[in-house]
């Protein structure tokens, strides 16, 4: 697995979240991918469930996103990255600090994504 490809795909994921491009995000996933966002939530299995997740979440929010550190890549098709999503949370401007861990298949598509965040990672921003 090409580590540079994984690094580019993960950075591209954040760019697509920032752009609100749900179709672009979905194109990065394998059809049988699994998403756990946040970790501990019921896993979403398959592209249809993942599409609903992004349409119901990102599709209803005005959000921006940016990497907050480098993408870390293993030699076996996995990577992790810290990033921040700025959005309105219950009507208040907030920043959500996340670490995503992804596993990729042989075609370079995301087969697993786990998002590590919780209430302690939501920071209110001045209005």
Protein backbone atom coordinates (compact mmCIF):
# COMPACT_ATOMS: atom_id res chain seq x y z
CA UNK A 1 0.00 0.00 0.00
CA UNK A 2 1.36 3.37 -1.05
CA UNK A 3 1.80 5.53 2.08
CA UNK A 4 1.77 8.74 0.01
CA UNK A 5 -1.56 7.75 -1.54
CA UNK A 6 -3.05 7.23 1.92
CA UNK A 7 -1.69 10.58 3.08
CA UNK A 8 -3.24 12.31 0.05
CA UNK A 9 -6.60 10.54 0.45
CA UNK A 10 -6.84 11.45 4.12
CA UNK A 11 -5.95 15.09 3.46
CA UNK A 12 -8.47 15.07 0.60
CA UNK A 13 -11.15 13.80 3.00
CA UNK A 14 -10.67 16.92 5.16
CA UNK A 15 -10.76 19.15 2.07
CA UNK A 16 -14.06 17.55 1.02
CA UNK A 17 -15.55 17.94 4.51
CA UNK A 18 -14.50 21.60 4.38
CA UNK A 19 -16.20 22.01 1.00
CA UNK A 20 -19.34 20.16 2.16
CA UNK A 21 -18.89 17.81 -0.82
CA UNK A 22 -20.76 14.72 0.35
CA UNK A 23 -20.57 12.96 -3.02
CA UNK A 24 -16.81 13.51 -3.04
CA UNK A 25 -16.50 12.13 0.50
CA UNK A 26 -18.56 9.06 -0.40
CA UNK A 27 -16.36 8.40 -3.44
CA UNK A 28 -13.44 7.80 -1.06
CA UNK A 29 -15.24 4.90 0.66
CA UNK A 30 -15.43 1.23 -0.31
CA UNK A 31 -19.00 -0.03 -0.81
CA UNK A 32 -18.76 -2.25 2.29
CA UNK A 33 -16.96 0.28 4.50
CA UNK A 34 -17.64 0.68 8.23
CA UNK A 35 -17.82 4.07 10.00
CA UNK A 36 -17.81 4.56 13.76
CA UNK A 37 -18.30 8.27 14.48
CA UNK A 38 -17.70 8.82 17.31
CA UNK A 39 -15.99 5.68 18.53
CA UNK A 40 -18.48 3.88 20.74
CA UNK A 41 -21.45 4.74 18.52
CA UNK A 42 -23.19 1.97 16.61
CA UNK A 43 -21.04 1.23 13.54
CA UNK A 44 -22.51 2.22 10.18
CA UNK A 45 -22.00 -0.59 7.68
CA UNK A 46 -22.15 -0.08 3.92
CA UNK A 47 -22.18 2.95 1.66
CA UNK A 48 -25.95 3.56 2.00
CA UNK A 49 -25.76 3.89 5.80
CA UNK A 50 -22.64 6.04 5.49
CA UNK A 51 -24.36 8.28 2.93
CA UNK A 52 -27.32 8.82 5.29
CA UNK A 53 -24.87 9.73 8.08
CA UNK A 54 -23.14 12.43 6.01
CA UNK A 55 -26.40 13.80 4.56
CA UNK A 56 -28.02 14.03 8.01
CA UNK A 57 -24.94 15.52 9.68
CA UNK A 58 -22.70 17.46 7.33
CA UNK A 59 -25.54 18.03 4.88
CA UNK A 60 -27.50 20.00 7.48
CA UNK A 61 -24.62 21.99 8.96
CA UNK A 62 -22.52 24.85 7.77
CA UNK A 63 -19.13 23.49 8.64
CA UNK A 64 -15.52 24.09 7.78
CA UNK A 65 -12.62 21.75 8.44
CA UNK A 66 -8.85 21.84 8.49
CA UNK A 67 -6.00 19.56 9.41
CA UNK A 68 -4.38 20.55 12.71
CA UNK A 69 -1.34 18.31 12.35
CA UNK A 70 0.29 15.95 9.90
CA UNK A 71 -1.35 12.78 8.61
CA UNK A 72 0.38 9.76 10.12
CA UNK A 73 0.58 6.66 7.92
CA UNK A 74 1.56 3.07 8.68
CA UNK A 75 3.12 0.68 6.20
CA UNK A 76 0.05 -1.57 6.14
CA UNK A 77 -2.71 0.63 4.75
CA UNK A 78 -3.72 2.63 7.82
CA UNK A 79 -3.49 6.26 8.83
CA UNK A 80 -4.51 8.75 11.49
CA UNK A 81 -4.95 12.51 11.42
CA UNK A 82 -5.97 15.31 13.74
CA UNK A 83 -8.35 17.92 12.40
CA UNK A 84 -10.87 20.50 13.51
CA UNK A 85 -14.41 21.05 12.34
CA UNK A 86 -15.92 24.48 12.99
CA UNK A 87 -19.73 24.46 13.10
CA UNK A 88 -22.78 25.54 15.06
CA UNK A 89 -23.46 23.08 17.89
CA UNK A 90 -26.92 23.49 19.39
CA UNK A 91 -27.04 27.01 18.00
CA UNK A 92 -23.62 28.09 19.30
CA UNK A 93 -20.40 28.42 17.27
CA UNK A 94 -18.04 25.60 18.26
CA UNK A 95 -14.91 23.78 17.19
CA UNK A 96 -14.87 20.00 17.28
CA UNK A 97 -11.38 18.52 17.64
CA UNK A 98 -11.19 15.05 16.08
CA UNK A 99 -8.69 12.32 15.34
CA UNK A 100 -9.76 10.03 12.52
CA UNK A 101 -8.19 6.61 12.08
CA UNK A 102 -8.72 5.01 8.68
CA UNK A 103 -7.93 1.67 7.09
CA UNK A 104 -7.72 1.40 3.31
CA UNK A 105 -8.36 -1.47 0.90
CA UNK A 106 -6.12 -2.54 -1.98
CA UNK A 107 -7.76 0.02 -4.29
CA UNK A 108 -6.97 2.86 -1.89
CA UNK A 109 -10.56 3.28 -0.72
CA UNK A 110 -11.52 3.73 2.93
CA UNK A 111 -12.75 0.42 4.35
CA UNK A 112 -12.90 1.60 7.98
CA UNK A 113 -13.08 5.02 9.62
CA UNK A 114 -13.14 5.62 13.35
CA UNK A 115 -13.56 9.17 14.65
CA UNK A 116 -12.17 9.81 18.12
CA UNK A 117 -13.95 12.68 19.84
CA UNK A 118 -16.36 13.36 22.67
CA UNK A 119 -17.97 16.21 24.60
CA UNK A 120 -14.58 17.21 26.02
CA UNK A 121 -13.41 17.87 22.46
CA UNK A 122 -16.11 20.43 21.68
CA UNK A 123 -14.83 23.96 22.27
CA UNK A 124 -17.16 26.95 22.19
CA UNK A 125 -16.02 29.88 20.05
CA UNK A 126 -16.94 33.51 20.66
CA UNK A 127 -20.03 34.59 18.72
